[in-house]
Amino acid sequence: MDAKTKEAALANNARQFRKGIVPDEVRECYDNYAGRYDKDLNPESYLGPKMAAEALTSYVERSGWSKGKIRVLDVGAGTGFVAIQLANRGFKRMDALDPSEGMLEKAKTRGVYENFIQEFLTPDPTPGIANDTYDAVVSSGGMGEGHIPCGALREMVRVVKPGGLVVIAMREEYLRCTSGYENLEPTMAAMENEELWERLERSVLPGYCYHKDGLVYVFRKK
């Protein structure tokens, strides 16, 4: 399958996660997709995990933290692309959160996660995760149609320790073409005004996925 065909297939998958799709359907779509996910979204065509890992690594090193000791939650972990990139950079304590059992079963084979949490990230507290649990939350590809809602940004803040980091990598075009995401950056700004977090970075990065531009956001919890 050439790059153009793969891009069309991925766009079709995204359309399945339309506004109003119920969680069970999202989970089933990804369960069914898990077997070919790694082939379709390989490191040569999907640079988002590398971009997210590089951003988190940069700010962790600036903070003087030990990469081998801090706890990281990978939101929308999929089959573990982000964690592989982080493990290669010296991170050791990572948990995976994803609603798809099929995706998490693939992620378990990576040998890079400590814990697996099969849940959606929503505005409600995630079962089993206490306040201020993680030093950092990272997500690559978790933002999209029918995926993480804008309101779930507050849940990312809840589970991170004060002074901890939130790193989000996503397609830039989703701000314009994904239902509800016209409110994403206004929600981020409102959370800054409420002094829940401060924005450290907003970068547009070319080649995020199949030559589409990406966005990387980095926030620090107040």
N, C-alpha and C. Protein backbone atom coordinates (compact mmCIF):
# COMPACT_ATOMS: atom_id res chain seq x y z
N MET A 1 0.85 -1.19 0.00
CA MET A 1 0.00 0.00 0.00
C MET A 1 0.89 1.25 0.00
N ASP A 2 0.71 2.16 -0.98
CA ASP A 2 1.53 3.35 -1.03
C ASP A 2 1.03 4.39 -0.04
N ALA A 3 1.81 5.48 0.11
CA ALA A 3 1.50 6.48 1.13
C ALA A 3 0.13 7.13 0.89
N LYS A 4 -0.19 7.40 -0.36
CA LYS A 4 -1.47 8.04 -0.67
C LYS A 4 -2.64 7.15 -0.29
N THR A 5 -2.52 5.86 -0.58
CA THR A 5 -3.58 4.90 -0.23
C THR A 5 -3.72 4.77 1.27
N LYS A 6 -2.58 4.72 1.97
CA LYS A 6 -2.62 4.63 3.43
C LYS A 6 -3.27 5.86 4.03
N GLU A 7 -2.96 7.04 3.48
CA GLU A 7 -3.56 8.27 3.98
C GLU A 7 -5.07 8.24 3.82
N ALA A 8 -5.54 7.74 2.67
CA ALA A 8 -6.98 7.64 2.44
C ALA A 8 -7.63 6.66 3.42
N ALA A 9 -6.93 5.56 3.69
CA ALA A 9 -7.47 4.58 4.64
C ALA A 9 -7.55 5.16 6.04
N LEU A 10 -6.52 5.91 6.44
CA LEU A 10 -6.53 6.52 7.76
C LEU A 10 -7.62 7.57 7.87
N ALA A 11 -7.84 8.33 6.79
CA ALA A 11 -8.91 9.32 6.80
C ALA A 11 -10.27 8.64 6.95
N ASN A 12 -10.43 7.48 6.29
CA ASN A 12 -11.67 6.73 6.42
C ASN A 12 -11.87 6.24 7.85
N ASN A 13 -10.77 5.79 8.48
CA ASN A 13 -10.87 5.36 9.88
C ASN A 13 -11.31 6.53 10.76
N ALA A 14 -10.74 7.71 10.49
CA ALA A 14 -11.09 8.88 11.30
C ALA A 14 -12.56 9.22 11.16
N ARG A 15 -13.11 9.07 9.95
CA ARG A 15 -14.52 9.39 9.75
C ARG A 15 -15.44 8.46 10.53
N GLN A 16 -14.94 7.27 10.85
CA GLN A 16 -15.75 6.35 11.64
C GLN A 16 -16.00 6.89 13.04
N PHE A 17 -15.05 7.70 13.54
CA PHE A 17 -15.17 8.24 14.88
C PHE A 17 -15.87 9.59 14.84
N ARG A 18 -17.07 9.61 14.22
CA ARG A 18 -17.82 10.83 13.98
C ARG A 18 -18.45 11.32 15.28
N LYS A 19 -18.94 12.54 15.23
CA LYS A 19 -19.62 13.11 16.39
C LYS A 19 -20.81 12.23 16.75
N GLY A 20 -20.93 11.90 18.04
CA GLY A 20 -22.05 11.12 18.52
C GLY A 20 -21.81 9.63 18.55
N ILE A 21 -20.65 9.17 18.04
CA ILE A 21 -20.38 7.74 18.09
C ILE A 21 -20.24 7.32 19.55
N VAL A 22 -20.78 6.17 19.88
CA VAL A 22 -20.77 5.75 21.27
C VAL A 22 -19.44 5.09 21.60
N PRO A 23 -19.04 5.15 22.88
CA PRO A 23 -17.72 4.62 23.25
C PRO A 23 -17.49 3.18 22.83
N ASP A 24 -18.51 2.34 22.93
CA ASP A 24 -18.32 0.94 22.57
C ASP A 24 -17.93 0.79 21.10
N GLU A 25 -18.43 1.66 20.24
CA GLU A 25 -18.10 1.59 18.82
C GLU A 25 -16.65 2.03 18.58
N VAL A 26 -16.22 3.08 19.30
CA VAL A 26 -14.84 3.52 19.19
C VAL A 26 -13.90 2.39 19.61
N ARG A 27 -14.23 1.79 20.74
CA ARG A 27 -13.39 0.70 21.26
C ARG A 27 -13.34 -0.45 20.26
N GLU A 28 -14.48 -0.80 19.70
CA GLU A 28 -14.53 -1.92 18.75
C GLU A 28 -13.73 -1.62 17.48
N CYS A 29 -13.81 -0.36 17.01
CA CYS A 29 -13.05 0.01 15.81
C CYS A 29 -11.56 -0.18 16.05
N TYR A 30 -11.08 0.25 17.20
CA TYR A 30 -9.66 0.12 17.48
C TYR A 30 -9.26 -1.32 17.79
N ASP A 31 -10.14 -2.07 18.42
CA ASP A 31 -9.85 -3.49 18.62
C ASP A 31 -9.63 -4.17 17.28
N ASN A 32 -10.48 -3.83 16.30
CA ASN A 32 -10.38 -4.44 14.98
C ASN A 32 -9.16 -3.93 14.21
N TYR A 33 -8.75 -2.71 14.51
CA TYR A 33 -7.64 -2.08 13.79
C TYR A 33 -6.27 -2.45 14.37
N ALA A 34 -6.25 -2.98 15.58
CA ALA A 34 -4.99 -3.22 16.29
C ALA A 34 -4.01 -4.08 15.49
N GLY A 35 -4.51 -5.04 14.74
CA GLY A 35 -3.64 -5.96 14.03
C GLY A 35 -2.83 -5.31 12.92
N ARG A 36 -3.35 -4.23 12.32
CA ARG A 36 -2.62 -3.59 11.23
C ARG A 36 -2.15 -2.18 11.57
N TYR A 37 -2.39 -1.76 12.80
CA TYR A 37 -2.06 -0.39 13.23
C TYR A 37 -0.57 -0.09 13.05
N ASP A 38 0.28 -1.00 13.52
CA ASP A 38 1.73 -0.76 13.45
C ASP A 38 2.22 -0.64 12.01
N LYS A 39 1.60 -1.38 11.11
CA LYS A 39 2.03 -1.33 9.72
C LYS A 39 1.58 -0.04 9.05
N ASP A 40 0.35 0.38 9.33
CA ASP A 40 -0.17 1.60 8.71
C ASP A 40 0.51 2.85 9.27
N LEU A 41 0.70 2.88 10.58
CA LEU A 41 1.30 4.04 11.24
C LEU A 41 2.71 3.67 11.72
N ASN A 42 3.60 3.53 10.77
CA ASN A 42 4.98 3.15 11.12
C ASN A 42 5.81 4.40 11.39
N PRO A 43 6.98 4.26 12.02
CA PRO A 43 7.78 5.42 12.40
C PRO A 43 8.23 6.30 11.23
N GLU A 44 8.25 5.75 10.02
CA GLU A 44 8.65 6.56 8.87
C GLU A 44 7.54 7.51 8.43
N SER A 45 6.29 7.12 8.65
CA SER A 45 5.17 7.95 8.19
C SER A 45 4.47 8.69 9.32
N TYR A 46 4.62 8.21 10.55
CA TYR A 46 3.95 8.82 11.69
C TYR A 46 5.02 9.27 12.68
N LEU A 47 5.36 10.56 12.65
CA LEU A 47 6.43 11.10 13.48
C LEU A 47 5.93 11.67 14.80
N GLY A 48 4.61 11.65 15.01
CA GLY A 48 4.05 12.21 16.22
C GLY A 48 4.64 11.67 17.51
N PRO A 49 4.76 10.34 17.67
CA PRO A 49 5.35 9.81 18.90
C PRO A 49 6.75 10.31 19.16
N LYS A 50 7.56 10.41 18.11
CA LYS A 50 8.92 10.92 18.27
C LYS A 50 8.89 12.38 18.69
N MET A 51 8.01 13.17 18.08
CA MET A 51 7.91 14.58 18.43
C MET A 51 7.47 14.77 19.87
N ALA A 52 6.49 13.98 20.30
CA ALA A 52 6.01 14.07 21.68
C ALA A 52 7.10 13.67 22.66
N ALA A 53 7.82 12.59 22.34
CA ALA A 53 8.88 12.12 23.23
C ALA A 53 10.02 13.13 23.31
N GLU A 54 10.37 13.74 22.18
CA GLU A 54 11.43 14.74 22.19
C GLU A 54 11.04 15.95 23.03
N ALA A 55 9.77 16.38 22.92
CA ALA A 55 9.32 17.53 23.70
C ALA A 55 9.36 17.23 25.19
N LEU A 56 8.83 16.06 25.58
CA LEU A 56 8.83 15.71 27.00
C LEU A 56 10.26 15.58 27.52
N THR A 57 11.11 14.92 26.76
CA THR A 57 12.51 14.75 27.18
C THR A 57 13.18 16.09 27.41
N SER A 58 12.96 17.03 26.50
CA SER A 58 13.59 18.33 26.61
C SER A 58 13.22 19.04 27.91
N TYR A 59 11.93 19.02 28.25
CA TYR A 59 11.49 19.74 29.45
C TYR A 59 11.83 18.99 30.73
N VAL A 60 11.84 17.68 30.67
CA VAL A 60 12.27 16.91 31.83
C VAL A 60 13.74 17.19 32.13
N GLU A 61 14.56 17.23 31.10
CA GLU A 61 15.98 17.50 31.30
C GLU A 61 16.20 18.93 31.81
N ARG A 62 15.42 19.87 31.31
CA ARG A 62 15.53 21.24 31.80
C ARG A 62 15.15 21.34 33.27
N SER A 63 14.22 20.49 33.69
CA SER A 63 13.76 20.51 35.08
C SER A 63 14.74 19.81 36.01
N GLY A 64 15.70 19.08 35.45
CA GLY A 64 16.68 18.37 36.26
C GLY A 64 16.16 17.10 36.88
N TRP A 65 15.06 16.57 36.33
CA TRP A 65 14.48 15.34 36.86
C TRP A 65 15.24 14.13 36.32
N SER A 66 15.16 13.03 37.07
CA SER A 66 15.72 11.76 36.61
C SER A 66 14.71 11.08 35.70
N LYS A 67 15.08 10.87 34.44
CA LYS A 67 14.15 10.25 33.49
C LYS A 67 13.81 8.82 33.91
N GLY A 68 14.70 8.18 34.62
CA GLY A 68 14.46 6.80 35.03
C GLY A 68 13.55 6.66 36.23
N LYS A 69 13.26 7.78 36.91
CA LYS A 69 12.46 7.70 38.14
C LYS A 69 11.07 8.31 38.04
N ILE A 70 10.90 9.28 37.14
CA ILE A 70 9.60 9.94 37.10
C ILE A 70 8.54 9.03 36.48
N ARG A 71 7.28 9.24 36.88
CA ARG A 71 6.16 8.44 36.38
C ARG A 71 5.46 9.20 35.26
N VAL A 72 5.21 8.50 34.17
CA VAL A 72 4.59 9.09 32.98
C VAL A 72 3.34 8.30 32.61
N LEU A 73 2.25 9.02 32.33
CA LEU A 73 1.03 8.40 31.82
C LEU A 73 0.93 8.69 30.33
N ASP A 74 0.87 7.64 29.53
CA ASP A 74 0.72 7.74 28.08
C ASP A 74 -0.77 7.61 27.76
N VAL A 75 -1.39 8.72 27.40
CA VAL A 75 -2.84 8.77 27.16
C VAL A 75 -3.11 8.50 25.68
N GLY A 76 -4.02 7.54 25.42
CA GLY A 76 -4.23 7.10 24.05
C GLY A 76 -3.01 6.35 23.57
N ALA A 77 -2.54 5.44 24.42
CA ALA A 77 -1.25 4.78 24.21
C ALA A 77 -1.19 3.94 22.95
N GLY A 78 -2.34 3.45 22.48
CA GLY A 78 -2.33 2.60 21.31
C GLY A 78 -1.47 1.37 21.53
N THR A 79 -0.59 1.10 20.58
CA THR A 79 0.27 -0.08 20.69
C THR A 79 1.63 0.23 21.31
N GLY A 80 1.81 1.49 21.75
CA GLY A 80 3.02 1.81 22.51
C GLY A 80 4.10 2.59 21.80
N PHE A 81 3.75 3.29 20.72
CA PHE A 81 4.76 4.03 19.96
C PHE A 81 5.49 5.07 20.81
N VAL A 82 4.72 5.84 21.59
CA VAL A 82 5.34 6.90 22.40
C VAL A 82 6.27 6.31 23.45
N ALA A 83 5.82 5.24 24.11
CA ALA A 83 6.62 4.64 25.17
C ALA A 83 7.93 4.07 24.64
N ILE A 84 7.91 3.53 23.43
CA ILE A 84 9.16 3.05 22.82
C ILE A 84 10.15 4.20 22.67
N GLN A 85 9.65 5.32 22.16
CA GLN A 85 10.50 6.49 22.00
C GLN A 85 11.03 6.98 23.35
N LEU A 86 10.18 6.97 24.37
CA LEU A 86 10.61 7.42 25.69
C LEU A 86 11.60 6.44 26.31
N ALA A 87 11.34 5.16 26.15
CA ALA A 87 12.27 4.16 26.69
C ALA A 87 13.65 4.30 26.07
N ASN A 88 13.69 4.62 24.78
CA ASN A 88 14.98 4.81 24.10
C ASN A 88 15.72 6.04 24.63
N ARG A 89 14.97 6.92 25.30
CA ARG A 89 15.57 8.13 25.85
C ARG A 89 15.80 8.03 27.36
N GLY A 90 15.59 6.85 27.93
CA GLY A 90 15.94 6.64 29.33
C GLY A 90 14.79 6.63 30.31
N PHE A 91 13.55 6.77 29.82
CA PHE A 91 12.39 6.71 30.72
C PHE A 91 12.09 5.24 31.05
N LYS A 92 11.70 4.98 32.28
CA LYS A 92 11.48 3.60 32.71
C LYS A 92 10.11 3.35 33.35
N ARG A 93 9.47 4.39 33.88
CA ARG A 93 8.23 4.20 34.64
C ARG A 93 7.06 4.80 33.87
N MET A 94 6.45 3.99 33.02
CA MET A 94 5.38 4.47 32.16
C MET A 94 4.15 3.58 32.29
N ASP A 95 2.99 4.21 32.33
CA ASP A 95 1.71 3.51 32.32
C ASP A 95 0.97 3.85 31.03
N ALA A 96 0.19 2.89 30.54
CA ALA A 96 -0.58 3.07 29.31
C ALA A 96 -2.06 3.21 29.63
N LEU A 97 -2.69 4.22 29.05
CA LEU A 97 -4.14 4.38 29.15
C LEU A 97 -4.72 4.38 27.74
N ASP A 98 -5.64 3.47 27.49
CA ASP A 98 -6.29 3.37 26.19
C ASP A 98 -7.59 2.59 26.36
N PRO A 99 -8.65 2.96 25.63
CA PRO A 99 -9.92 2.23 25.79
C PRO A 99 -9.96 0.88 25.10
N SER A 100 -9.01 0.62 24.19
CA SER A 100 -9.06 -0.58 23.37
C SER A 100 -8.25 -1.72 23.96
N GLU A 101 -8.91 -2.82 24.24
CA GLU A 101 -8.21 -4.01 24.74
C GLU A 101 -7.23 -4.53 23.70
N GLY A 102 -7.63 -4.49 22.42
CA GLY A 102 -6.75 -4.98 21.36
C GLY A 102 -5.47 -4.19 21.27
N MET A 103 -5.58 -2.88 21.38
CA MET A 103 -4.39 -2.03 21.35
C MET A 103 -3.49 -2.30 22.55
N LEU A 104 -4.10 -2.41 23.72
CA LEU A 104 -3.30 -2.64 24.92
C LEU A 104 -2.63 -4.01 24.90
N GLU A 105 -3.28 -5.00 24.31
CA GLU A 105 -2.64 -6.31 24.21
C GLU A 105 -1.38 -6.22 23.36
N LYS A 106 -1.43 -5.43 22.28
CA LYS A 106 -0.22 -5.22 21.48
C LYS A 106 0.82 -4.45 22.27
N ALA A 107 0.36 -3.45 23.03
CA ALA A 107 1.29 -2.63 23.82
C ALA A 107 2.01 -3.47 24.87
N LYS A 108 1.34 -4.47 25.41
CA LYS A 108 1.97 -5.31 26.43
C LYS A 108 3.19 -6.04 25.90
N THR A 109 3.20 -6.33 24.61
CA THR A 109 4.33 -7.05 24.03
C THR A 109 5.58 -6.19 23.93
N ARG A 110 5.44 -4.87 24.12
CA ARG A 110 6.59 -3.97 24.01
C ARG A 110 7.53 -4.11 25.20
N GLY A 111 6.97 -4.45 26.37
CA GLY A 111 7.78 -4.57 27.57
C GLY A 111 8.26 -3.24 28.12
N VAL A 112 7.51 -2.16 27.86
CA VAL A 112 7.95 -0.83 28.30
C VAL A 112 7.01 -0.18 29.30
N TYR A 113 5.83 -0.76 29.52
CA TYR A 113 4.85 -0.19 30.45
C TYR A 113 4.82 -0.97 31.75
N GLU A 114 4.54 -0.26 32.84
CA GLU A 114 4.34 -0.91 34.14
C GLU A 114 2.90 -1.33 34.33
N ASN A 115 1.96 -0.43 33.99
CA ASN A 115 0.54 -0.67 34.23
C ASN A 115 -0.27 -0.35 32.99
N PHE A 116 -1.42 -1.00 32.87
CA PHE A 116 -2.30 -0.83 31.72
C PHE A 116 -3.70 -0.48 32.23
N ILE A 117 -4.22 0.63 31.75
CA ILE A 117 -5.51 1.13 32.20
C ILE A 117 -6.44 1.21 31.00
N GLN A 118 -7.42 0.33 30.96
CA GLN A 118 -8.33 0.29 29.82
C GLN A 118 -9.52 1.21 30.08
N GLU A 119 -9.36 2.47 29.74
CA GLU A 119 -10.38 3.49 29.97
C GLU A 119 -10.28 4.57 28.90
N PHE A 120 -11.39 5.27 28.67
CA PHE A 120 -11.36 6.51 27.92
C PHE A 120 -10.92 7.63 28.84
N LEU A 121 -10.26 8.63 28.29
CA LEU A 121 -10.00 9.84 29.04
C LEU A 121 -11.18 10.78 28.79
N THR A 122 -11.87 11.16 29.84
CA THR A 122 -13.06 12.00 29.76
C THR A 122 -12.93 13.13 30.78
N PRO A 123 -13.90 14.04 30.84
CA PRO A 123 -13.87 15.06 31.89
C PRO A 123 -14.06 14.49 33.30
N ASP A 124 -14.52 13.26 33.40
CA ASP A 124 -14.74 12.64 34.71
C ASP A 124 -13.45 12.00 35.21
N PRO A 125 -13.30 11.86 36.53
CA PRO A 125 -12.11 11.20 37.07
C PRO A 125 -11.94 9.80 36.51
N THR A 126 -10.73 9.48 36.09
CA THR A 126 -10.43 8.15 35.55
C THR A 126 -10.36 7.15 36.70
N PRO A 127 -11.15 6.07 36.63
CA PRO A 127 -11.13 5.07 37.71
C PRO A 127 -9.72 4.55 37.98
N GLY A 128 -9.35 4.54 39.25
CA GLY A 128 -8.07 3.96 39.64
C GLY A 128 -6.89 4.90 39.61
N ILE A 129 -7.10 6.16 39.18
CA ILE A 129 -5.99 7.12 39.17
C ILE A 129 -6.30 8.24 40.16
N ALA A 130 -5.49 8.35 41.19
CA ALA A 130 -5.68 9.37 42.21
C ALA A 130 -5.15 10.72 41.72
N ASN A 131 -5.54 11.77 42.42
CA ASN A 131 -5.00 13.10 42.15
C ASN A 131 -3.48 13.09 42.28
N ASP A 132 -2.81 13.89 41.44
CA ASP A 132 -1.37 14.14 41.58
C ASP A 132 -0.54 12.86 41.56
N THR A 133 -0.88 11.94 40.66
CA THR A 133 -0.19 10.65 40.59
C THR A 133 1.09 10.72 39.75
N TYR A 134 1.03 11.42 38.63
CA TYR A 134 2.11 11.35 37.64
C TYR A 134 2.94 12.62 37.60
N ASP A 135 4.19 12.44 37.21
CA ASP A 135 5.06 13.59 36.97
C ASP A 135 4.79 14.21 35.60
N ALA A 136 4.27 13.41 34.68
CA ALA A 136 3.99 13.91 33.34
C ALA A 136 2.90 13.07 32.69
N VAL A 137 2.12 13.73 31.84
CA VAL A 137 1.17 13.08 30.95
C VAL A 137 1.58 13.41 29.53
N VAL A 138 1.58 12.42 28.68
CA VAL A 138 1.93 12.63 27.27
C VAL A 138 0.89 11.96 26.40
N SER A 139 0.56 12.62 25.30
CA SER A 139 -0.41 12.03 24.36
C SER A 139 -0.02 12.40 22.94
N SER A 140 0.08 11.41 22.08
CA SER A 140 0.30 11.63 20.66
C SER A 140 -0.79 10.89 19.89
N GLY A 141 -1.57 11.63 19.12
CA GLY A 141 -2.63 11.01 18.33
C GLY A 141 -3.91 10.77 19.11
N GLY A 142 -3.95 11.21 20.36
CA GLY A 142 -5.15 11.00 21.15
C GLY A 142 -6.25 12.00 20.89
N MET A 143 -5.89 13.11 20.25
CA MET A 143 -6.87 14.13 19.94
C MET A 143 -7.39 13.91 18.52
N GLY A 144 -8.69 13.78 18.37
CA GLY A 144 -9.28 13.55 17.06
C GLY A 144 -10.77 13.35 17.19
N GLU A 145 -11.45 13.18 16.08
CA GLU A 145 -12.91 13.03 16.08
C GLU A 145 -13.33 11.83 16.93
N GLY A 146 -14.15 12.08 17.94
CA GLY A 146 -14.64 11.00 18.79
C GLY A 146 -13.62 10.50 19.78
N HIS A 147 -12.49 11.18 19.91
CA HIS A 147 -11.42 10.74 20.80
C HIS A 147 -11.47 11.54 22.10
N ILE A 148 -10.37 12.18 22.47
CA ILE A 148 -10.32 12.91 23.74
C ILE A 148 -11.07 14.23 23.59
N PRO A 149 -12.09 14.46 24.40
CA PRO A 149 -12.83 15.73 24.31
C PRO A 149 -12.06 16.86 24.97
N CYS A 150 -12.42 18.09 24.62
CA CYS A 150 -11.73 19.25 25.18
C CYS A 150 -11.80 19.24 26.71
N GLY A 151 -12.94 18.84 27.25
CA GLY A 151 -13.11 18.85 28.70
C GLY A 151 -12.16 17.92 29.44
N ALA A 152 -11.60 16.94 28.73
CA ALA A 152 -10.70 15.98 29.37
C ALA A 152 -9.33 16.57 29.67
N LEU A 153 -9.05 17.77 29.14
CA LEU A 153 -7.79 18.43 29.49
C LEU A 153 -7.68 18.63 31.01
N ARG A 154 -8.81 18.87 31.64
CA ARG A 154 -8.81 19.06 33.09
C ARG A 154 -8.45 17.76 33.82
N GLU A 155 -8.81 16.64 33.22
CA GLU A 155 -8.45 15.36 33.83
C GLU A 155 -6.95 15.13 33.71
N MET A 156 -6.35 15.57 32.61
CA MET A 156 -4.89 15.48 32.50
C MET A 156 -4.22 16.26 33.63
N VAL A 157 -4.75 17.44 33.92
CA VAL A 157 -4.19 18.25 34.99
C VAL A 157 -4.40 17.58 36.35
N ARG A 158 -5.56 17.00 36.55
CA ARG A 158 -5.86 16.38 37.84
C ARG A 158 -4.86 15.30 38.21
N VAL A 159 -4.48 14.47 37.24
CA VAL A 159 -3.65 13.31 37.56
C VAL A 159 -2.17 13.65 37.63
N VAL A 160 -1.79 14.87 37.23
CA VAL A 160 -0.39 15.29 37.25
C VAL A 160 -0.09 16.03 38.56
N LYS A 161 1.10 15.80 39.08
CA LYS A 161 1.53 16.48 40.29
C LYS A 161 1.73 17.98 40.02
N PRO A 162 1.59 18.82 41.03
CA PRO A 162 1.94 20.23 40.86
C PRO A 162 3.37 20.37 40.33
N GLY A 163 3.52 21.19 39.31
CA GLY A 163 4.82 21.34 38.67
C GLY A 163 5.07 20.32 37.58
N GLY A 164 4.15 19.36 37.42
CA GLY A 164 4.31 18.33 36.41
C GLY A 164 3.96 18.83 35.02
N LEU A 165 4.25 18.00 34.02
CA LEU A 165 4.15 18.39 32.61
C LEU A 165 3.01 17.67 31.90
N VAL A 166 2.40 18.36 30.95
CA VAL A 166 1.43 17.77 30.03
C VAL A 166 1.90 18.07 28.62
N VAL A 167 2.12 17.02 27.82
CA VAL A 167 2.59 17.16 26.44
C VAL A 167 1.54 16.54 25.52
N ILE A 168 1.08 17.32 24.55
CA ILE A 168 0.06 16.86 23.61
C ILE A 168 0.56 17.08 22.19
N ALA A 169 0.60 16.02 21.39
CA ALA A 169 0.94 16.12 19.97
C ALA A 169 -0.27 15.70 19.16
N MET A 170 -0.59 16.47 18.13
CA MET A 170 -1.80 16.21 17.34
C MET A 170 -1.66 16.84 15.96
N ARG A 171 -2.56 16.48 15.06
CA ARG A 171 -2.58 17.11 13.74
C ARG A 171 -3.08 18.55 13.87
N GLU A 172 -2.39 19.46 13.20
CA GLU A 172 -2.78 20.86 13.25
C GLU A 172 -4.15 21.09 12.62
N GLU A 173 -4.47 20.35 11.58
CA GLU A 173 -5.73 20.55 10.87
C GLU A 173 -6.95 20.20 11.72
N TYR A 174 -6.77 19.42 12.78
CA TYR A 174 -7.90 19.04 13.61
C TYR A 174 -8.52 20.23 14.34
N LEU A 175 -7.75 21.30 14.51
CA LEU A 175 -8.31 22.51 15.11
C LEU A 175 -9.42 23.09 14.24
N ARG A 176 -9.34 22.81 12.93
CA ARG A 176 -10.31 23.38 11.99
C ARG A 176 -11.38 22.39 11.55
N CYS A 177 -11.03 21.10 11.48
CA CYS A 177 -11.94 20.15 10.82
C CYS A 177 -12.53 19.11 11.76
N THR A 178 -12.21 19.18 13.04
CA THR A 178 -12.73 18.19 13.99
C THR A 178 -13.79 18.83 14.87
N SER A 179 -14.95 18.20 14.90
CA SER A 179 -16.07 18.75 15.65
C SER A 179 -15.71 18.95 17.12
N GLY A 180 -15.94 20.15 17.61
CA GLY A 180 -15.68 20.47 19.00
C GLY A 180 -14.30 21.05 19.25
N TYR A 181 -13.36 20.80 18.34
CA TYR A 181 -11.98 21.24 18.59
C TYR A 181 -11.76 22.72 18.28
N GLU A 182 -12.79 23.39 17.76
CA GLU A 182 -12.68 24.85 17.68
C GLU A 182 -12.59 25.45 19.08
N ASN A 183 -12.97 24.64 20.07
CA ASN A 183 -12.90 25.08 21.47
C ASN A 183 -11.64 24.59 22.19
N LEU A 184 -10.77 23.87 21.48
CA LEU A 184 -9.61 23.28 22.16
C LEU A 184 -8.67 24.35 22.70
N GLU A 185 -8.21 25.23 21.83
CA GLU A 185 -7.27 26.25 22.30
C GLU A 185 -7.94 27.26 23.23
N PRO A 186 -9.20 27.65 23.00
CA PRO A 186 -9.87 28.48 24.00
C PRO A 186 -9.98 27.80 25.37
N THR A 187 -10.18 26.48 25.38
CA THR A 187 -10.21 25.74 26.65
C THR A 187 -8.84 25.77 27.32
N MET A 188 -7.81 25.57 26.53
CA MET A 188 -6.45 25.64 27.07
C MET A 188 -6.18 27.01 27.68
N ALA A 189 -6.60 28.07 26.98
CA ALA A 189 -6.38 29.42 27.46
C ALA A 189 -7.19 29.69 28.73
N ALA A 190 -8.42 29.20 28.77
CA ALA A 190 -9.25 29.39 29.96
C ALA A 190 -8.62 28.72 31.17
N MET A 191 -8.02 27.56 30.96
CA MET A 191 -7.36 26.85 32.06
C MET A 191 -6.12 27.61 32.54
N GLU A 192 -5.46 28.31 31.61
CA GLU A 192 -4.36 29.19 32.03
C GLU A 192 -4.88 30.34 32.88
N ASN A 193 -6.00 30.93 32.45
CA ASN A 193 -6.58 32.04 33.21
C ASN A 193 -7.02 31.61 34.60
N GLU A 194 -7.42 30.34 34.72
CA GLU A 194 -7.81 29.79 36.02
C GLU A 194 -6.60 29.37 36.84
N GLU A 195 -5.42 29.53 36.25
CA GLU A 195 -4.15 29.17 36.89
C GLU A 195 -4.07 27.68 37.25
N LEU A 196 -4.65 26.86 36.34
CA LEU A 196 -4.50 25.41 36.48
C LEU A 196 -3.18 24.95 35.90
N TRP A 197 -2.74 25.62 34.82
CA TRP A 197 -1.47 25.30 34.20
C TRP A 197 -0.95 26.53 33.48
N GLU A 198 0.30 26.46 33.04
CA GLU A 198 0.89 27.50 32.21
C GLU A 198 1.44 26.85 30.94
N ARG A 199 1.25 27.55 29.83
CA ARG A 199 1.75 27.01 28.57
C ARG A 199 3.22 27.34 28.42
N LEU A 200 4.01 26.30 28.16
CA LEU A 200 5.43 26.45 27.94
C LEU A 200 5.78 26.49 26.46
N GLU A 201 4.95 25.82 25.65
CA GLU A 201 5.29 25.74 24.22
C GLU A 201 4.05 25.42 23.41
N ARG A 202 3.99 26.04 22.22
CA ARG A 202 3.05 25.67 21.17
C ARG A 202 3.83 25.73 19.87
N SER A 203 4.12 24.59 19.30
CA SER A 203 4.96 24.53 18.10
C SER A 203 4.22 23.83 16.97
N VAL A 204 4.31 24.40 15.77
CA VAL A 204 3.82 23.73 14.56
C VAL A 204 5.00 22.98 13.95
N LEU A 205 4.84 21.68 13.78
CA LEU A 205 5.93 20.84 13.29
C LEU A 205 5.52 20.14 12.00
N PRO A 206 6.31 20.30 10.94
CA PRO A 206 5.97 19.65 9.66
C PRO A 206 6.19 18.15 9.72
N GLY A 207 5.41 17.44 8.92
CA GLY A 207 5.62 16.00 8.78
C GLY A 207 5.13 15.17 9.93
N TYR A 208 4.18 15.68 10.68
CA TYR A 208 3.67 14.95 11.84
C TYR A 208 3.15 13.57 11.45
N CYS A 209 2.34 13.51 10.41
CA CYS A 209 1.79 12.23 9.95
C CYS A 209 1.44 12.34 8.48
N TYR A 210 2.07 11.51 7.66
CA TYR A 210 1.82 11.52 6.22
C TYR A 210 1.87 12.94 5.65
N HIS A 211 2.92 13.67 6.01
CA HIS A 211 3.20 15.00 5.48
C HIS A 211 2.21 16.06 5.98
N LYS A 212 1.37 15.73 6.91
CA LYS A 212 0.49 16.70 7.53
C LYS A 212 1.22 17.39 8.69
N ASP A 213 1.00 18.69 8.83
CA ASP A 213 1.63 19.42 9.93
C ASP A 213 1.05 18.97 11.26
N GLY A 214 1.88 19.03 12.27
CA GLY A 214 1.45 18.69 13.62
C GLY A 214 1.61 19.86 14.57
N LEU A 215 0.97 19.74 15.71
CA LEU A 215 1.10 20.70 16.80
C LEU A 215 1.63 19.96 18.01
N VAL A 216 2.55 20.58 18.72
CA VAL A 216 2.99 20.06 20.01
C VAL A 216 2.77 21.15 21.05
N TYR A 217 2.00 20.81 22.07
CA TYR A 217 1.76 21.70 23.20
C TYR A 217 2.49 21.14 24.41
N VAL A 218 3.06 22.03 25.20
CA VAL A 218 3.65 21.64 26.49
C VAL A 218 3.13 22.58 27.56
N PHE A 219 2.57 22.02 28.63
CA PHE A 219 2.05 22.78 29.75
C PHE A 219 2.69 22.30 31.04
N ARG A 220 2.77 23.20 32.01
CA ARG A 220 3.20 22.83 33.35
C ARG A 220 2.07 23.13 34.32
N LYS A 221 1.75 22.13 35.16
CA LYS A 221 0.68 22.31 36.13
C LYS A 221 1.12 23.29 37.22
N LYS A 222 0.20 24.17 37.58
CA LYS A 222 0.48 25.15 38.62
C LYS A 222 0.53 24.46 39.99
